[in-house]
Amino acid sequence: MKSETERVSKTTECITRVRRTFILTFALMFLTLTFLYGTTEHYDKSAYFQSLRPQQQIIRNDTKYVYNVLKSEKGSKLIRIFENSTKNTHSQLFNSSKVRPQSPKAVPNQTKFTKPVNLVQESNGNTILKPAIAQRNETPKKEDHQPKSEVKTQKEAPMKSNQQLTTGDLPLPYMRNQFDIRRFEPKLPAKLTGLTPLKPGIPESSEFPGMPDPCAAPRRNTGVEDILCMKPPEFLPEYKNPCWYDNGQFRCLPYFHLIGICKSGTSDLFKRLHLHPDIVPNRGIFGKEIWYWSWKRFWISEFSGKLKQGMTLRDFTNQFQTTIIQKGVGPKGNHNKITGHGDPMDIWDRFLESNTPQNSPGAEELLWTTPYAAKHINPNVKLLLMLRDPVDRLYSHYFHGGYGNSAQSFHEHVSASVPLWYECTSKHTIRHCIYDDNLFKHIPAPIYTSFYIVHLLEWLKVFPREQLFVFRNEDYTSDIRATISSICRFLDIAQPSEPTLKSMAGLGAFYATAKKQAAGPMLLESRKLLVDLYRPYTEELARFLGDERFGFRDKSFA
């Protein structure tokens, strides 16, 4: 018989072999997956595109793309960008009119496109625009009910057919003139409150007038922390930064929040602000990004039938260096150190917010969005918004997000995205489309990110205008010192000393998108298409802010 020692030795050897086999198998699987993933484009969205209409195809890892979108059954449509009314009707903000679209003919090869534009003044004072899908040698018919004098149609202007992209026999003509928007004269509604009037019997929120009480009705258990029904912390008056004691633990929320926008220089700005002696970096990416409000608090998972909660508010506060704030005492015994955070997607990314406990699944529009939760928990937070020419910013965003790798692919994706956008707005409100998760999954280029006025008003429905500092990347890069001084005045902190300000302004650029630099400049056809798309929104932004600089006429919209 074998001795006890031999049996133990055999058992140990067997266990060692099993472990070794498991480790080698896992390593082989990891290397295989890494190899397969490495052959695809990062942030590849082609899986989304496969669910598009049968006429639309994408060939993965190839420069050939087919978007036969012009053969859609959807035609020209009438869009109302802003509702010129103070009535508290459904979706008072960003309504699209309910006009049945016409059915255009299929666009054959070698089509010449026209640029029809209808600008209509309605009897109630609304000025609306009609971007029409152009057809071959044909101008869209005027609506019968519209007087001839009230319709302005631009003369035909054939498109310059520089080249055709083909896969098989399906062409992709440049659609630079497909949607040509010239101008409109909208007015913002006087009251920017809830989306719909409260029904009788539904209690109104005391915190957000015009909105239902978020805690009065039964709420869904989605795994997302119910911030709207949490008791806000009582901040310590001796600290400039919002801080409090939570069961004896010193916690802080950010004093300021840079809400966007991506590829506008937000990381570059934060790098310089961190040189200020009173500003404390957080523990997030670049001392700035925590990804809490728009992303991580919604990152829930399910295991064995139980929901795993996303990032909590307590987790969020753990990302701030509270010890420095607590011990930072000025010469007069005051606690003037502050901290902030800057997630550049917070201005536009609402695609996970349907999981908020108070939101109803499948609703036409989101009712409760991130600004309400942020205001409830930190009502006096100071908000910064850094904007950049929407066309140039989108070009950088496209490469930074891994949507493509060339100016040509950018043009193809934009040319396919614009019709999808107008198709959505022909059926729904603009606010629905800009936050529609389904459209987000299907659209090839993130054109929804540059509708600045829509995103801005979502925050200003909740926060007062004086609590938000809006500035341009173009002005920041041309005079960093002046911009930083203005930000310090807005934050109500001491102006940096001359040596500190010199150091802030003297830092090199933080980040440049290498893929965009390799791709070269944007094609002129792409710029023309995007300028026509965004022009009404930049003009409205400039009017709303009372500052012509935000029309970006010194850039793409000259």
Foldseek 3Di string as FASTA:
>chain_A
DDDPVVVVVVVVVVVVVVVVVVVVVVVVVVVVVVVVVVVFFPLELQVLQVPDPPQFHQDGPDLAGFQQPQQDQFWKFWAQQAQQDQDQAAQNGFAGDQDGGHGADRADPPAWFFAWKWWAQDPVGGTIIIFTFTHGVDDDDDDPVGDPVRTDTDDGDTDDQPDWRDDPRGTDTQCLRRGFADEIDGDHHPAQAFRHADDPPFDAPPQGGRHGQLPPDDWDPLLFDQLSPDQADDADPLACFGWDADPNRIFGDAQAEAQAAPQFQPLLLVVLVCLFPQEFFWQDDSSADDQPLQPQQLPWDADPRDIHGGQDPVNVRVRGPVVCQVPDADPVRGRRRGYYHYDRCRLQAFQRVCSNGSHDPPDLAGGDGSLSSCCNHPVLRAYEYEAEDLLVSQLQVCLVSRLDQALSVVSVLLSSQVVVLVVVSSPGGNNSSLRPNSSVSNRSGNSSSSLNVSSVVVNCNNHPPLRYHYYYSVVCLVCVLVVVQVVCVSSVHDRGDPVSSCVSNPDDRDDDRVSSVVRDDHDPSSLSNSCSVRQHSQVVVCVVVVHNVSSVCVHSVD
